[in-house]
Amino acid sequence: MPQEPRRQSGQSLVESCIIICLIGVIFAGLYQIARLFAAREIMYHAAARGARAKAVGFNWWMVEKSIRVAAIPNAGRLTVPEFQNRDQALESLAASSRPGALWMQVLGIVPSSLQLRLEMSRIPEYLDSDNHVRGGYILDYQDWDTVVGDHEGGMSVDDSGYGLLRVRTVQDFPLTVPLHRAFYAADTIRIVGESELIDHASLYIQDMGW
């Protein structure tokens, strides 16, 4: 009889561990779903940027660059240029300060991102590149090639007689949250964004298919 309370306490511990693991899996799934909703909005934004570029007469390479830049939040890790996002001042502060004092000092620091500054300086240069190869030497991301755009022109006509330009963006979005296989059998899921604008450029510019 004296061993019965120990057995019950051990069983409660095992049950608690199982419940904690299940809660962790559920939260991981919810986080992945939230990322998918955000990624879908980004793809619609990229399609709108591409449609706007095509509607004013840019060639397809310029449209593709506009789509890719708009889809940077879905593009994964920055690979070109090589960059380590480390703040040496913050590292030295963490090594020399106590946790309480460090917390108070960090609260007074204005947040900044060295990678963001680098990207903002490279994006205009990338948009000015002549082709895909040159652009790849200026700026590139791990999953940027998974973002694909295409367009259709003159497929339908609105009441004013202008043709409608439709741009569609597609990405096989990588599922990187741990334990995603508990909810989905593959490592990627297809996300689609679409946008339509009136094609004014076709009235003045002949599309050479560039």
N, C-alpha and C. Protein backbone atom coordinates (compact mmCIF):
# COMPACT_ATOMS: atom_id res chain seq x y z
N MET A 1 0.80 -1.23 0.00
CA MET A 1 0.00 0.00 0.00
C MET A 1 0.83 1.27 0.00
N PRO A 2 1.94 1.37 0.74
CA PRO A 2 2.71 2.61 0.74
C PRO A 2 3.24 2.99 -0.64
N GLN A 3 3.38 2.01 -1.55
CA GLN A 3 3.93 2.32 -2.86
C GLN A 3 2.89 2.93 -3.81
N GLU A 4 1.61 2.89 -3.44
CA GLU A 4 0.56 3.37 -4.34
C GLU A 4 0.67 4.86 -4.63
N PRO A 5 0.92 5.76 -3.67
CA PRO A 5 1.07 7.18 -3.99
C PRO A 5 2.22 7.46 -4.95
N ARG A 6 3.34 6.73 -4.78
CA ARG A 6 4.47 6.92 -5.70
C ARG A 6 4.09 6.54 -7.13
N ARG A 7 3.35 5.43 -7.24
CA ARG A 7 2.93 4.99 -8.57
C ARG A 7 2.01 6.02 -9.22
N GLN A 8 1.11 6.59 -8.43
CA GLN A 8 0.20 7.60 -8.98
C GLN A 8 0.94 8.87 -9.38
N SER A 9 1.92 9.28 -8.55
CA SER A 9 2.69 10.48 -8.89
C SER A 9 3.51 10.27 -10.15
N GLY A 10 4.06 9.07 -10.32
CA GLY A 10 4.81 8.77 -11.54
C GLY A 10 3.92 8.77 -12.76
N GLN A 11 2.70 8.23 -12.61
CA GLN A 11 1.75 8.23 -13.72
C GLN A 11 1.35 9.66 -14.10
N SER A 12 1.15 10.51 -13.10
CA SER A 12 0.81 11.91 -13.36
C SER A 12 1.92 12.63 -14.11
N LEU A 13 3.17 12.32 -13.75
CA LEU A 13 4.30 12.94 -14.43
C LEU A 13 4.35 12.54 -15.90
N VAL A 14 4.11 11.25 -16.17
CA VAL A 14 4.11 10.77 -17.56
C VAL A 14 2.98 11.43 -18.35
N GLU A 15 1.79 11.51 -17.73
CA GLU A 15 0.66 12.14 -18.41
C GLU A 15 0.93 13.62 -18.69
N SER A 16 1.56 14.30 -17.73
CA SER A 16 1.89 15.71 -17.93
C SER A 16 2.86 15.90 -19.09
N CYS A 17 3.86 15.02 -19.18
CA CYS A 17 4.83 15.10 -20.29
C CYS A 17 4.15 14.89 -21.63
N ILE A 18 3.22 13.92 -21.68
CA ILE A 18 2.50 13.66 -22.93
C ILE A 18 1.66 14.87 -23.33
N ILE A 19 0.97 15.46 -22.36
CA ILE A 19 0.13 16.63 -22.64
C ILE A 19 0.98 17.80 -23.12
N ILE A 20 2.13 18.02 -22.47
CA ILE A 20 3.02 19.12 -22.88
C ILE A 20 3.50 18.91 -24.32
N CYS A 21 3.84 17.67 -24.66
CA CYS A 21 4.27 17.38 -26.04
C CYS A 21 3.15 17.64 -27.04
N LEU A 22 1.92 17.22 -26.70
CA LEU A 22 0.79 17.45 -27.60
C LEU A 22 0.52 18.94 -27.77
N ILE A 23 0.60 19.70 -26.68
CA ILE A 23 0.40 21.15 -26.77
C ILE A 23 1.47 21.78 -27.65
N GLY A 24 2.72 21.30 -27.51
CA GLY A 24 3.80 21.82 -28.36
C GLY A 24 3.55 21.55 -29.83
N VAL A 25 3.07 20.34 -30.15
CA VAL A 25 2.76 20.00 -31.54
C VAL A 25 1.64 20.89 -32.08
N ILE A 26 0.61 21.11 -31.26
CA ILE A 26 -0.52 21.95 -31.69
C ILE A 26 -0.06 23.39 -31.94
N PHE A 27 0.75 23.93 -31.03
CA PHE A 27 1.24 25.30 -31.22
C PHE A 27 2.13 25.40 -32.46
N ALA A 28 2.96 24.37 -32.72
CA ALA A 28 3.79 24.37 -33.92
C ALA A 28 2.91 24.37 -35.18
N GLY A 29 1.82 23.59 -35.15
CA GLY A 29 0.91 23.57 -36.29
C GLY A 29 0.21 24.90 -36.50
N LEU A 30 -0.22 25.53 -35.40
CA LEU A 30 -0.87 26.84 -35.51
C LEU A 30 0.10 27.90 -36.04
N TYR A 31 1.36 27.82 -35.60
CA TYR A 31 2.36 28.77 -36.08
C TYR A 31 2.61 28.59 -37.57
N GLN A 32 2.67 27.32 -38.03
CA GLN A 32 2.88 27.08 -39.46
C GLN A 32 1.69 27.58 -40.28
N ILE A 33 0.48 27.40 -39.77
CA ILE A 33 -0.71 27.90 -40.47
C ILE A 33 -0.67 29.42 -40.57
N ALA A 34 -0.27 30.08 -39.48
CA ALA A 34 -0.16 31.55 -39.50
C ALA A 34 0.86 32.00 -40.53
N ARG A 35 1.98 31.28 -40.64
CA ARG A 35 2.99 31.62 -41.64
C ARG A 35 2.44 31.43 -43.05
N LEU A 36 1.63 30.41 -43.26
CA LEU A 36 1.05 30.18 -44.59
C LEU A 36 0.08 31.30 -44.98
N PHE A 37 -0.73 31.76 -44.03
CA PHE A 37 -1.63 32.88 -44.32
C PHE A 37 -0.83 34.13 -44.68
N ALA A 38 0.23 34.40 -43.92
CA ALA A 38 1.07 35.57 -44.21
C ALA A 38 1.75 35.42 -45.57
N ALA A 39 2.24 34.21 -45.88
CA ALA A 39 2.90 33.96 -47.16
C ALA A 39 1.92 34.15 -48.32
N ARG A 40 0.68 33.76 -48.13
CA ARG A 40 -0.33 33.94 -49.18
C ARG A 40 -0.59 35.42 -49.45
N GLU A 41 -0.66 36.22 -48.40
CA GLU A 41 -0.84 37.66 -48.59
C GLU A 41 0.35 38.27 -49.34
N ILE A 42 1.55 37.78 -49.04
CA ILE A 42 2.75 38.28 -49.71
C ILE A 42 2.70 37.92 -51.20
N MET A 43 2.20 36.74 -51.54
CA MET A 43 2.11 36.36 -52.94
C MET A 43 1.09 37.22 -53.70
N TYR A 44 0.00 37.58 -53.05
CA TYR A 44 -0.95 38.50 -53.68
C TYR A 44 -0.32 39.88 -53.87
N HIS A 45 0.46 40.31 -52.88
CA HIS A 45 1.16 41.59 -53.01
C HIS A 45 2.16 41.53 -54.17
N ALA A 46 2.88 40.42 -54.30
CA ALA A 46 3.85 40.27 -55.39
C ALA A 46 3.14 40.28 -56.75
N ALA A 47 1.97 39.63 -56.83
CA ALA A 47 1.21 39.65 -58.08
C ALA A 47 0.76 41.07 -58.43
N ALA A 48 0.35 41.83 -57.42
CA ALA A 48 -0.07 43.21 -57.67
C ALA A 48 1.10 44.07 -58.14
N ARG A 49 2.27 43.85 -57.56
CA ARG A 49 3.46 44.60 -58.00
C ARG A 49 3.81 44.24 -59.43
N GLY A 50 3.72 42.95 -59.77
CA GLY A 50 4.01 42.53 -61.13
C GLY A 50 3.01 43.08 -62.13
N ALA A 51 1.72 43.07 -61.76
CA ALA A 51 0.69 43.60 -62.65
C ALA A 51 0.88 45.09 -62.88
N ARG A 52 1.24 45.80 -61.84
CA ARG A 52 1.47 47.24 -61.98
C ARG A 52 2.64 47.52 -62.92
N ALA A 53 3.72 46.73 -62.78
CA ALA A 53 4.88 46.92 -63.65
C ALA A 53 4.54 46.60 -65.10
N LYS A 54 3.77 45.54 -65.32
CA LYS A 54 3.41 45.16 -66.69
C LYS A 54 2.42 46.14 -67.31
N ALA A 55 1.50 46.68 -66.49
CA ALA A 55 0.47 47.58 -67.01
C ALA A 55 1.05 48.89 -67.54
N VAL A 56 2.21 49.29 -67.04
CA VAL A 56 2.81 50.54 -67.51
C VAL A 56 3.84 50.30 -68.61
N GLY A 57 3.99 49.03 -69.04
CA GLY A 57 4.81 48.76 -70.22
C GLY A 57 6.19 48.19 -69.98
N PHE A 58 6.53 47.81 -68.74
CA PHE A 58 7.84 47.20 -68.51
C PHE A 58 7.91 45.83 -69.17
N ASN A 59 9.13 45.44 -69.58
CA ASN A 59 9.30 44.11 -70.16
C ASN A 59 9.20 43.06 -69.06
N TRP A 60 9.18 41.77 -69.49
CA TRP A 60 8.90 40.72 -68.52
C TRP A 60 10.02 40.56 -67.49
N TRP A 61 11.27 40.83 -67.85
CA TRP A 61 12.34 40.73 -66.87
C TRP A 61 12.15 41.75 -65.76
N MET A 62 11.72 42.96 -66.11
CA MET A 62 11.44 43.97 -65.09
C MET A 62 10.25 43.56 -64.23
N VAL A 63 9.24 42.96 -64.86
CA VAL A 63 8.09 42.47 -64.10
C VAL A 63 8.51 41.37 -63.14
N GLU A 64 9.36 40.46 -63.62
CA GLU A 64 9.83 39.37 -62.77
C GLU A 64 10.63 39.89 -61.59
N LYS A 65 11.47 40.89 -61.83
CA LYS A 65 12.24 41.48 -60.73
C LYS A 65 11.31 42.12 -59.71
N SER A 66 10.28 42.80 -60.17
CA SER A 66 9.32 43.42 -59.25
C SER A 66 8.63 42.36 -58.40
N ILE A 67 8.26 41.24 -59.03
CA ILE A 67 7.62 40.15 -58.30
C ILE A 67 8.57 39.57 -57.26
N ARG A 68 9.81 39.33 -57.65
CA ARG A 68 10.76 38.71 -56.74
C ARG A 68 11.08 39.62 -55.55
N VAL A 69 11.23 40.91 -55.80
CA VAL A 69 11.52 41.83 -54.70
C VAL A 69 10.33 41.89 -53.74
N ALA A 70 9.12 41.91 -54.28
CA ALA A 70 7.93 41.94 -53.41
C ALA A 70 7.78 40.66 -52.60
N ALA A 71 8.34 39.55 -53.11
CA ALA A 71 8.22 38.26 -52.43
C ALA A 71 9.41 37.94 -51.54
N ILE A 72 10.27 38.91 -51.26
CA ILE A 72 11.44 38.68 -50.41
C ILE A 72 11.07 38.08 -49.05
N PRO A 73 9.97 38.50 -48.40
CA PRO A 73 9.63 37.87 -47.11
C PRO A 73 9.40 36.36 -47.20
N ASN A 74 9.08 35.84 -48.39
CA ASN A 74 8.89 34.40 -48.58
C ASN A 74 10.13 33.71 -49.11
N ALA A 75 11.22 34.45 -49.29
CA ALA A 75 12.38 33.93 -50.03
C ALA A 75 13.40 33.21 -49.16
N GLY A 76 13.22 33.20 -47.86
CA GLY A 76 14.15 32.48 -47.01
C GLY A 76 15.42 33.26 -46.68
N ARG A 77 16.47 32.51 -46.42
CA ARG A 77 17.73 33.09 -45.94
C ARG A 77 18.47 33.82 -47.06
N LEU A 78 19.07 34.96 -46.71
CA LEU A 78 19.89 35.73 -47.65
C LEU A 78 21.18 34.96 -47.95
N THR A 79 21.45 34.71 -49.24
CA THR A 79 22.65 33.97 -49.63
C THR A 79 23.66 34.83 -50.37
N VAL A 80 23.21 35.85 -51.09
CA VAL A 80 24.09 36.78 -51.81
C VAL A 80 23.61 38.20 -51.53
N PRO A 81 24.46 39.03 -50.96
CA PRO A 81 25.84 38.77 -50.53
C PRO A 81 25.87 37.95 -49.23
N GLU A 82 26.99 37.27 -49.00
CA GLU A 82 27.14 36.52 -47.76
C GLU A 82 27.17 37.49 -46.58
N PHE A 83 26.40 37.17 -45.57
CA PHE A 83 26.23 38.12 -44.47
C PHE A 83 25.93 37.37 -43.19
N GLN A 84 26.61 37.76 -42.12
CA GLN A 84 26.33 37.23 -40.79
C GLN A 84 25.68 38.34 -39.97
N ASN A 85 24.44 38.12 -39.61
CA ASN A 85 23.67 39.15 -38.90
C ASN A 85 24.05 39.13 -37.41
N ARG A 86 25.19 39.72 -37.11
CA ARG A 86 25.69 39.76 -35.74
C ARG A 86 25.95 41.21 -35.34
N ASP A 87 25.59 41.53 -34.11
CA ASP A 87 25.82 42.86 -33.56
C ASP A 87 26.92 42.75 -32.52
N GLN A 88 28.14 43.15 -32.90
CA GLN A 88 29.28 43.00 -31.99
C GLN A 88 29.12 43.86 -30.74
N ALA A 89 28.52 45.04 -30.87
CA ALA A 89 28.32 45.89 -29.70
C ALA A 89 27.38 45.23 -28.70
N LEU A 90 26.32 44.60 -29.20
CA LEU A 90 25.37 43.92 -28.32
C LEU A 90 26.01 42.67 -27.70
N GLU A 91 26.84 41.97 -28.46
CA GLU A 91 27.52 40.79 -27.93
C GLU A 91 28.47 41.17 -26.80
N SER A 92 29.23 42.24 -26.98
CA SER A 92 30.15 42.68 -25.93
C SER A 92 29.39 43.17 -24.71
N LEU A 93 28.24 43.80 -24.93
CA LEU A 93 27.41 44.26 -23.82
C LEU A 93 26.86 43.08 -23.03
N ALA A 94 26.45 42.03 -23.74
CA ALA A 94 25.92 40.84 -23.07
C ALA A 94 27.01 40.11 -22.29
N ALA A 95 28.25 40.17 -22.78
CA ALA A 95 29.35 39.49 -22.09
C ALA A 95 29.82 40.23 -20.85
N SER A 96 29.58 41.52 -20.77
CA SER A 96 30.14 42.32 -19.67
C SER A 96 29.10 42.81 -18.67
N SER A 97 27.82 42.58 -18.91
CA SER A 97 26.77 43.11 -18.03
C SER A 97 26.00 41.99 -17.35
N ARG A 98 25.47 42.30 -16.18
CA ARG A 98 24.59 41.37 -15.49
C ARG A 98 23.23 41.35 -16.19
N PRO A 99 22.46 40.26 -16.03
CA PRO A 99 21.18 40.16 -16.74
C PRO A 99 20.24 41.33 -16.49
N GLY A 100 20.10 41.77 -15.22
CA GLY A 100 19.19 42.87 -14.92
C GLY A 100 19.62 44.17 -15.57
N ALA A 101 20.90 44.50 -15.45
CA ALA A 101 21.42 45.73 -16.06
C ALA A 101 21.37 45.65 -17.58
N LEU A 102 21.65 44.47 -18.13
CA LEU A 102 21.58 44.29 -19.58
C LEU A 102 20.16 44.52 -20.09
N TRP A 103 19.18 44.01 -19.37
CA TRP A 103 17.78 44.18 -19.78
C TRP A 103 17.40 45.66 -19.85
N MET A 104 17.79 46.43 -18.84
CA MET A 104 17.45 47.85 -18.82
C MET A 104 18.17 48.61 -19.94
N GLN A 105 19.41 48.22 -20.24
CA GLN A 105 20.14 48.91 -21.31
C GLN A 105 19.55 48.58 -22.68
N VAL A 106 19.16 47.32 -22.87
CA VAL A 106 18.61 46.91 -24.16
C VAL A 106 17.27 47.60 -24.42
N LEU A 107 16.49 47.82 -23.38
CA LEU A 107 15.20 48.50 -23.55
C LEU A 107 15.36 49.91 -24.10
N GLY A 108 16.49 50.53 -23.83
CA GLY A 108 16.71 51.89 -24.31
C GLY A 108 17.32 51.97 -25.70
N ILE A 109 17.63 50.82 -26.31
CA ILE A 109 18.24 50.81 -27.64
C ILE A 109 17.16 50.81 -28.71
N VAL A 110 17.31 51.65 -29.71
CA VAL A 110 16.37 51.66 -30.84
C VAL A 110 16.65 50.44 -31.72
N PRO A 111 15.66 49.58 -31.96
CA PRO A 111 15.89 48.38 -32.77
C PRO A 111 16.35 48.73 -34.18
N SER A 112 17.28 47.94 -34.69
CA SER A 112 17.76 48.13 -36.06
C SER A 112 18.22 46.78 -36.60
N SER A 113 18.35 46.70 -37.91
CA SER A 113 18.76 45.46 -38.56
C SER A 113 19.84 45.77 -39.59
N LEU A 114 21.01 45.20 -39.39
CA LEU A 114 22.09 45.39 -40.35
C LEU A 114 21.75 44.75 -41.69
N GLN A 115 21.05 43.61 -41.65
CA GLN A 115 20.68 42.94 -42.89
C GLN A 115 19.68 43.79 -43.68
N LEU A 116 18.74 44.43 -42.99
CA LEU A 116 17.78 45.29 -43.67
C LEU A 116 18.48 46.43 -44.39
N ARG A 117 19.46 47.03 -43.75
CA ARG A 117 20.20 48.11 -44.40
C ARG A 117 20.92 47.61 -45.64
N LEU A 118 21.50 46.42 -45.54
CA LEU A 118 22.20 45.84 -46.69
C LEU A 118 21.23 45.56 -47.83
N GLU A 119 20.07 44.99 -47.51
CA GLU A 119 19.08 44.68 -48.54
C GLU A 119 18.56 45.95 -49.21
N MET A 120 18.30 46.98 -48.42
CA MET A 120 17.79 48.23 -48.99
C MET A 120 18.79 48.89 -49.92
N SER A 121 20.07 48.67 -49.68
CA SER A 121 21.09 49.23 -50.57
C SER A 121 21.25 48.38 -51.84
N ARG A 122 20.96 47.07 -51.75
CA ARG A 122 21.14 46.19 -52.91
C ARG A 122 19.91 46.11 -53.81
N ILE A 123 18.72 46.32 -53.27
CA ILE A 123 17.50 46.16 -54.06
C ILE A 123 17.46 47.10 -55.26
N PRO A 124 17.75 48.41 -55.13
CA PRO A 124 17.76 49.26 -56.34
C PRO A 124 18.77 48.80 -57.39
N GLU A 125 19.93 48.32 -56.93
CA GLU A 125 20.92 47.81 -57.88
C GLU A 125 20.42 46.54 -58.56
N TYR A 126 19.72 45.69 -57.81
CA TYR A 126 19.16 44.48 -58.40
C TYR A 126 18.09 44.82 -59.44
N LEU A 127 17.24 45.79 -59.13
CA LEU A 127 16.20 46.20 -60.08
C LEU A 127 16.78 46.81 -61.35
N ASP A 128 18.02 47.28 -61.28
CA ASP A 128 18.68 47.87 -62.43
C ASP A 128 19.48 46.84 -63.23
N SER A 129 19.51 45.58 -62.79
CA SER A 129 20.30 44.56 -63.48
C SER A 129 19.69 44.21 -64.83
N ASP A 130 20.55 43.78 -65.77
CA ASP A 130 20.12 43.53 -67.15
C ASP A 130 19.55 42.15 -67.36
N ASN A 131 19.94 41.18 -66.56
CA ASN A 131 19.47 39.82 -66.74
C ASN A 131 19.54 39.05 -65.42
N HIS A 132 19.05 37.81 -65.48
CA HIS A 132 18.96 37.00 -64.26
C HIS A 132 20.34 36.68 -63.69
N VAL A 133 21.31 36.44 -64.55
CA VAL A 133 22.65 36.07 -64.08
C VAL A 133 23.29 37.23 -63.31
N ARG A 134 23.24 38.42 -63.89
CA ARG A 134 23.82 39.58 -63.21
C ARG A 134 23.07 39.89 -61.91
N GLY A 135 21.76 39.73 -61.96
CA GLY A 135 20.98 39.97 -60.75
C GLY A 135 21.34 39.01 -59.64
N GLY A 136 21.67 37.77 -60.01
CA GLY A 136 22.04 36.78 -59.00
C GLY A 136 23.33 37.08 -58.29
N TYR A 137 24.22 37.85 -58.93
CA TYR A 137 25.46 38.26 -58.28
C TYR A 137 25.26 39.46 -57.36
N ILE A 138 24.12 40.12 -57.48
CA ILE A 138 23.85 41.30 -56.66
C ILE A 138 23.04 40.94 -55.42
N LEU A 139 22.00 40.12 -55.61
CA LEU A 139 21.10 39.78 -54.50
C LEU A 139 20.46 38.43 -54.78
N ASP A 140 20.45 37.57 -53.78
CA ASP A 140 19.82 36.26 -53.95
C ASP A 140 19.44 35.70 -52.58
N TYR A 141 18.43 34.83 -52.60
CA TYR A 141 17.93 34.22 -51.38
C TYR A 141 17.78 32.72 -51.60
N GLN A 142 17.73 32.00 -50.50
CA GLN A 142 17.73 30.55 -50.56
C GLN A 142 16.53 30.00 -51.34
N ASP A 143 15.35 30.56 -51.13
CA ASP A 143 14.13 30.03 -51.75
C ASP A 143 13.54 30.97 -52.80
N TRP A 144 14.36 31.90 -53.31
CA TRP A 144 13.84 32.87 -54.28
C TRP A 144 13.39 32.20 -55.57
N ASP A 145 14.06 31.13 -55.97
CA ASP A 145 13.72 30.47 -57.23
C ASP A 145 12.40 29.71 -57.15
N THR A 146 11.85 29.55 -55.95
CA THR A 146 10.55 28.88 -55.83
C THR A 146 9.40 29.83 -56.17
N VAL A 147 9.69 31.12 -56.30
CA VAL A 147 8.67 32.11 -56.65
C VAL A 147 8.63 32.27 -58.17
N VAL A 148 7.49 31.99 -58.77
CA VAL A 148 7.34 32.04 -60.23
C VAL A 148 6.13 32.92 -60.56
N GLY A 149 6.29 33.75 -61.59
CA GLY A 149 5.19 34.60 -62.03
C GLY A 149 4.91 34.41 -63.51
N ASP A 150 3.65 34.55 -63.91
CA ASP A 150 3.30 34.56 -65.33
C ASP A 150 2.14 35.54 -65.53
N HIS A 151 1.91 35.92 -66.77
CA HIS A 151 0.88 36.92 -67.04
C HIS A 151 0.11 36.55 -68.29
N GLU A 152 -1.13 37.04 -68.34
CA GLU A 152 -1.98 36.89 -69.51
C GLU A 152 -2.51 38.27 -69.87
N GLY A 153 -2.44 38.62 -71.14
CA GLY A 153 -2.95 39.92 -71.58
C GLY A 153 -4.03 39.75 -72.62
N GLY A 154 -5.00 40.64 -72.61
CA GLY A 154 -6.06 40.61 -73.60
C GLY A 154 -6.99 39.43 -73.48
N MET A 155 -7.03 38.79 -72.31
CA MET A 155 -7.89 37.63 -72.14
C MET A 155 -9.36 38.02 -71.94
N SER A 156 -9.58 39.23 -71.42
CA SER A 156 -10.94 39.70 -71.23
C SER A 156 -10.97 41.21 -71.41
N VAL A 157 -12.14 41.76 -71.62
CA VAL A 157 -12.29 43.19 -71.87
C VAL A 157 -13.34 43.74 -70.91
N ASP A 158 -13.05 44.88 -70.29
CA ASP A 158 -14.03 45.49 -69.39
C ASP A 158 -14.97 46.40 -70.18
N ASP A 159 -15.86 47.10 -69.48
CA ASP A 159 -16.88 47.92 -70.14
C ASP A 159 -16.28 49.08 -70.93
N SER A 160 -15.11 49.56 -70.54
CA SER A 160 -14.50 50.69 -71.24
C SER A 160 -13.79 50.28 -72.52
N GLY A 161 -13.67 48.97 -72.76
CA GLY A 161 -13.00 48.50 -73.96
C GLY A 161 -11.54 48.19 -73.78
N TYR A 162 -10.98 48.48 -72.61
CA TYR A 162 -9.57 48.18 -72.35
C TYR A 162 -9.41 46.70 -71.99
N GLY A 163 -8.29 46.13 -72.41
CA GLY A 163 -8.00 44.77 -72.04
C GLY A 163 -7.56 44.68 -70.59
N LEU A 164 -7.83 43.55 -69.97
CA LEU A 164 -7.43 43.32 -68.59
C LEU A 164 -6.16 42.48 -68.57
N LEU A 165 -5.23 42.88 -67.76
CA LEU A 165 -3.97 42.17 -67.61
C LEU A 165 -4.02 41.39 -66.31
N ARG A 166 -3.75 40.11 -66.38
CA ARG A 166 -3.81 39.24 -65.21
C ARG A 166 -2.41 38.68 -64.92
N VAL A 167 -1.92 38.89 -63.72
CA VAL A 167 -0.62 38.35 -63.30
C VAL A 167 -0.87 37.35 -62.18
N ARG A 168 -0.23 36.22 -62.31
CA ARG A 168 -0.39 35.13 -61.34
C ARG A 168 0.97 34.74 -60.79
N THR A 169 1.09 34.66 -59.49
CA THR A 169 2.33 34.24 -58.85
C THR A 169 2.10 32.91 -58.14
N VAL A 170 3.10 32.05 -58.21
CA VAL A 170 3.02 30.72 -57.62
C VAL A 170 4.31 30.45 -56.85
N GLN A 171 4.19 29.84 -55.69
CA GLN A 171 5.36 29.43 -54.93
C GLN A 171 5.09 28.10 -54.24
N ASP A 172 6.04 27.18 -54.37
CA ASP A 172 6.02 25.97 -53.56
C ASP A 172 6.68 26.32 -52.23
N PHE A 173 5.88 26.80 -51.30
CA PHE A 173 6.39 27.36 -50.05
C PHE A 173 6.94 26.26 -49.16
N PRO A 174 8.21 26.36 -48.74
CA PRO A 174 8.80 25.32 -47.89
C PRO A 174 8.25 25.38 -46.47
N LEU A 175 7.89 24.23 -45.94
CA LEU A 175 7.40 24.13 -44.56
C LEU A 175 8.59 23.84 -43.66
N THR A 176 9.02 24.83 -42.92
CA THR A 176 10.25 24.73 -42.13
C THR A 176 9.99 24.60 -40.63
N VAL A 177 8.74 24.73 -40.21
CA VAL A 177 8.44 24.60 -38.78
C VAL A 177 8.59 23.14 -38.38
N PRO A 178 9.29 22.85 -37.27
CA PRO A 178 9.45 21.45 -36.84
C PRO A 178 8.10 20.76 -36.64
N LEU A 179 8.09 19.46 -36.91
CA LEU A 179 6.91 18.60 -36.73
C LEU A 179 5.78 18.91 -37.71
N HIS A 180 6.09 19.59 -38.83
CA HIS A 180 5.02 19.86 -39.79
C HIS A 180 4.49 18.59 -40.44
N ARG A 181 5.31 17.53 -40.44
CA ARG A 181 4.86 16.27 -41.02
C ARG A 181 3.75 15.62 -40.20
N ALA A 182 3.55 16.10 -38.97
CA ALA A 182 2.43 15.59 -38.17
C ALA A 182 1.09 16.03 -38.73
N PHE A 183 1.09 17.09 -39.55
CA PHE A 183 -0.14 17.64 -40.10
C PHE A 183 -0.21 17.54 -41.62
N TYR A 184 0.96 17.47 -42.30
CA TYR A 184 0.99 17.53 -43.76
C TYR A 184 2.06 16.57 -44.26
N ALA A 185 1.76 15.85 -45.34
CA ALA A 185 2.64 14.77 -45.77
C ALA A 185 3.85 15.23 -46.56
N ALA A 186 3.86 16.47 -47.08
CA ALA A 186 4.95 16.97 -47.92
C ALA A 186 5.73 18.05 -47.19
N ASP A 187 6.87 18.44 -47.78
CA ASP A 187 7.71 19.49 -47.20
C ASP A 187 7.45 20.86 -47.81
N THR A 188 6.60 20.93 -48.83
CA THR A 188 6.22 22.21 -49.45
C THR A 188 4.71 22.21 -49.69
N ILE A 189 4.16 23.41 -49.79
CA ILE A 189 2.75 23.56 -50.13
C ILE A 189 2.62 24.70 -51.14
N ARG A 190 1.79 24.52 -52.15
CA ARG A 190 1.68 25.51 -53.23
C ARG A 190 0.78 26.67 -52.80
N ILE A 191 1.32 27.89 -52.99
CA ILE A 191 0.59 29.11 -52.68
C ILE A 191 0.47 29.93 -53.96
N VAL A 192 -0.71 30.48 -54.20
CA VAL A 192 -0.98 31.21 -55.44
C VAL A 192 -1.52 32.59 -55.10
N GLY A 193 -1.04 33.60 -55.84
CA GLY A 193 -1.58 34.95 -55.74
C GLY A 193 -1.93 35.47 -57.12
N GLU A 194 -2.97 36.28 -57.23
CA GLU A 194 -3.40 36.81 -58.52
C GLU A 194 -3.76 38.29 -58.40
N SER A 195 -3.59 39.00 -59.51
CA SER A 195 -3.95 40.41 -59.54
C SER A 195 -4.34 40.78 -60.97
N GLU A 196 -5.32 41.66 -61.10
CA GLU A 196 -5.78 42.13 -62.41
C GLU A 196 -5.74 43.65 -62.45
N LEU A 197 -5.26 44.18 -63.57
CA LEU A 197 -5.26 45.62 -63.81
C LEU A 197 -5.62 45.88 -65.27
N ILE A 198 -6.09 47.08 -65.56
CA ILE A 198 -6.36 47.46 -66.94
C ILE A 198 -5.03 47.66 -67.67
N ASP A 199 -4.90 47.05 -68.84
CA ASP A 199 -3.65 47.07 -69.60
C ASP A 199 -3.60 48.32 -70.48
N HIS A 200 -3.17 49.43 -69.89
CA HIS A 200 -3.06 50.68 -70.65
C HIS A 200 -1.88 50.65 -71.63
N ALA A 201 -0.81 49.95 -71.27
CA ALA A 201 0.41 50.00 -72.07
C ALA A 201 0.20 49.45 -73.48
N SER A 202 -0.72 48.48 -73.63
CA SER A 202 -0.93 47.89 -74.95
C SER A 202 -1.51 48.88 -75.96
N LEU A 203 -2.07 50.00 -75.48
CA LEU A 203 -2.58 51.02 -76.39
C LEU A 203 -1.47 51.83 -77.03
N TYR A 204 -0.32 51.87 -76.39
CA TYR A 204 0.77 52.75 -76.85
C TYR A 204 2.05 51.99 -77.19
N ILE A 205 2.22 50.79 -76.62
CA ILE A 205 3.48 50.07 -76.76
C ILE A 205 3.18 48.68 -77.31
N GLN A 206 3.98 48.25 -78.27
CA GLN A 206 3.84 46.91 -78.81
C GLN A 206 4.66 45.95 -77.96
N ASP A 207 4.01 44.92 -77.44
CA ASP A 207 4.69 43.94 -76.60
C ASP A 207 5.52 43.01 -77.49
N MET A 208 6.85 43.08 -77.35
CA MET A 208 7.75 42.26 -78.15
C MET A 208 8.06 40.92 -77.50
N GLY A 209 7.45 40.67 -76.34
CA GLY A 209 7.67 39.40 -75.66
C GLY A 209 8.99 39.30 -74.95
N TRP A 210 9.62 40.43 -74.61
CA TRP A 210 10.90 40.41 -73.94
C TRP A 210 10.73 40.07 -72.47
